[in-house]
């Protein structure tokens, strides 16, 4: 069992690995202006902005090992 907080999910063209470690969470906070609890609240309450969703997916893919260019 992996303990690196990564998950593999079907997304777009197939299965992809996503991971948000400390560095990725810091980048996500810088890009969106919100920490993880606030981003989750925004998504759950349908109060999200496109950048919040886009950056979460992009940074999660990059954290999972995808090249930054491909994740973008």
C-alpha atoms as a PDB file:
ATOM      1  CA  UNK A   1       0.000   0.000   0.000  1.00  0.00           C
ATOM      2  CA  UNK A   2       1.437   3.353  -1.060  1.00  0.00           C
ATOM      3  CA  UNK A   3       1.620   6.032   1.597  1.00  0.00           C
ATOM      4  CA  UNK A   4       2.484   8.979  -0.598  1.00  0.00           C
ATOM      5  CA  UNK A   5      -1.101  10.296  -0.884  1.00  0.00           C
ATOM      6  CA  UNK A   6      -1.224   9.570  -4.613  1.00  0.00           C
ATOM      7  CA  UNK A   7      -4.366   8.304  -6.317  1.00  0.00           C
ATOM      8  CA  UNK A   8      -4.810   6.885  -9.789  1.00  0.00           C
ATOM      9  CA  UNK A   9      -8.052   7.931 -11.470  1.00  0.00           C
ATOM     10  CA  UNK A  10      -9.610   7.811 -14.910  1.00  0.00           C
ATOM     11  CA  UNK A  11      -9.388  11.301 -16.389  1.00  0.00           C
ATOM     12  CA  UNK A  12      -9.490  12.484 -19.988  1.00  0.00           C
ATOM     13  CA  UNK A  13      -7.728   9.901 -22.135  1.00  0.00           C
ATOM     14  CA  UNK A  14      -7.147   7.238 -19.491  1.00  0.00           C
ATOM     15  CA  UNK A  15      -5.789   6.503 -16.043  1.00  0.00           C
ATOM     16  CA  UNK A  16      -3.601   9.181 -14.492  1.00  0.00           C
ATOM     17  CA  UNK A  17      -1.764   9.508 -11.191  1.00  0.00           C
ATOM     18  CA  UNK A  18      -2.603  12.572  -9.069  1.00  0.00           C
ATOM     19  CA  UNK A  19      -0.741  13.731  -5.975  1.00  0.00           C
ATOM     20  CA  UNK A  20      -0.862  16.876  -3.864  1.00  0.00           C
ATOM     21  CA  UNK A  21       2.071  16.842  -1.441  1.00  0.00           C
ATOM     22  CA  UNK A  22       3.158  19.863   0.604  1.00  0.00           C
ATOM     23  CA  UNK A  23       4.963  21.546  -2.293  1.00  0.00           C
ATOM     24  CA  UNK A  24       2.011  21.088  -4.611  1.00  0.00           C
ATOM     25  CA  UNK A  25      -0.413  22.344  -1.966  1.00  0.00           C
ATOM     26  CA  UNK A  26       1.721  25.458  -1.490  1.00  0.00           C
ATOM     27  CA  UNK A  27       1.743  26.075  -5.255  1.00  0.00           C
ATOM     28  CA  UNK A  28      -2.023  25.550  -5.419  1.00  0.00           C
ATOM     29  CA  UNK A  29      -2.528  28.054  -2.612  1.00  0.00           C
ATOM     30  CA  UNK A  30      -0.301  30.591  -4.386  1.00  0.00           C
ATOM     31  CA  UNK A  31      -2.157  30.142  -7.691  1.00  0.00           C
ATOM     32  CA  UNK A  32      -5.691  30.286  -6.265  1.00  0.00           C
ATOM     33  CA  UNK A  33      -5.326  32.348  -3.101  1.00  0.00           C
ATOM     34  CA  UNK A  34      -7.052  29.616  -1.084  1.00  0.00           C
ATOM     35  CA  UNK A  35      -5.877  26.742   1.091  1.00  0.00           C
ATOM     36  CA  UNK A  36      -7.139  23.169   0.635  1.00  0.00           C
ATOM     37  CA  UNK A  37     -10.096  23.430   3.062  1.00  0.00           C
ATOM     38  CA  UNK A  38     -11.442  26.532   1.301  1.00  0.00           C
ATOM     39  CA  UNK A  39     -10.984  24.984  -2.156  1.00  0.00           C
ATOM     40  CA  UNK A  40     -12.884  21.885  -1.044  1.00  0.00           C
ATOM     41  CA  UNK A  41     -15.659  24.056   0.411  1.00  0.00           C
ATOM     42  CA  UNK A  42     -15.911  26.026  -2.835  1.00  0.00           C
ATOM     43  CA  UNK A  43     -16.248  22.804  -4.844  1.00  0.00           C
ATOM     44  CA  UNK A  44     -18.771  21.222  -2.498  1.00  0.00           C
ATOM     45  CA  UNK A  45     -20.913  24.377  -2.396  1.00  0.00           C
ATOM     46  CA  UNK A  46     -20.720  24.875  -6.165  1.00  0.00           C
ATOM     47  CA  UNK A  47     -18.975  28.229  -5.607  1.00  0.00           C
ATOM     48  CA  UNK A  48     -15.790  27.388  -7.516  1.00  0.00           C
ATOM     49  CA  UNK A  49     -13.989  29.388 -10.163  1.00  0.00           C
ATOM     50  CA  UNK A  50     -12.500  27.841 -13.290  1.00  0.00           C
ATOM     51  CA  UNK A  51      -8.933  28.632 -12.157  1.00  0.00           C
ATOM     52  CA  UNK A  52      -9.471  26.725  -8.901  1.00  0.00           C
ATOM     53  CA  UNK A  53     -10.520  23.574 -10.749  1.00  0.00           C
ATOM     54  CA  UNK A  54      -7.923  23.925 -13.533  1.00  0.00           C
ATOM     55  CA  UNK A  55      -5.021  24.530 -11.155  1.00  0.00           C
ATOM     56  CA  UNK A  56      -6.050  21.675  -8.839  1.00  0.00           C
ATOM     57  CA  UNK A  57      -6.090  19.233 -11.750  1.00  0.00           C
ATOM     58  CA  UNK A  58      -2.898  20.577 -13.344  1.00  0.00           C
ATOM     59  CA  UNK A  59      -0.889  20.614 -10.128  1.00  0.00           C
ATOM     60  CA  UNK A  60      -2.253  17.214  -9.085  1.00  0.00           C
ATOM     61  CA  UNK A  61      -1.162  15.671 -12.383  1.00  0.00           C
ATOM     62  CA  UNK A  62       2.254  17.286 -12.137  1.00  0.00           C
ATOM     63  CA  UNK A  63       2.619  16.080  -8.552  1.00  0.00           C
ATOM     64  CA  UNK A  64       1.689  12.610  -9.767  1.00  0.00           C
ATOM     65  CA  UNK A  65       4.634  12.567 -12.135  1.00  0.00           C
ATOM     66  CA  UNK A  66       3.297  14.012 -15.378  1.00  0.00           C
ATOM     67  CA  UNK A  67       5.544  16.567 -17.053  1.00  0.00           C
ATOM     68  CA  UNK A  68       4.455  20.140 -16.307  1.00  0.00           C
ATOM     69  CA  UNK A  69       4.020  20.836 -20.030  1.00  0.00           C
ATOM     70  CA  UNK A  70       1.716  17.833 -20.536  1.00  0.00           C
ATOM     71  CA  UNK A  71      -0.208  18.574 -17.319  1.00  0.00           C
ATOM     72  CA  UNK A  72      -0.824  22.108 -18.530  1.00  0.00           C
END
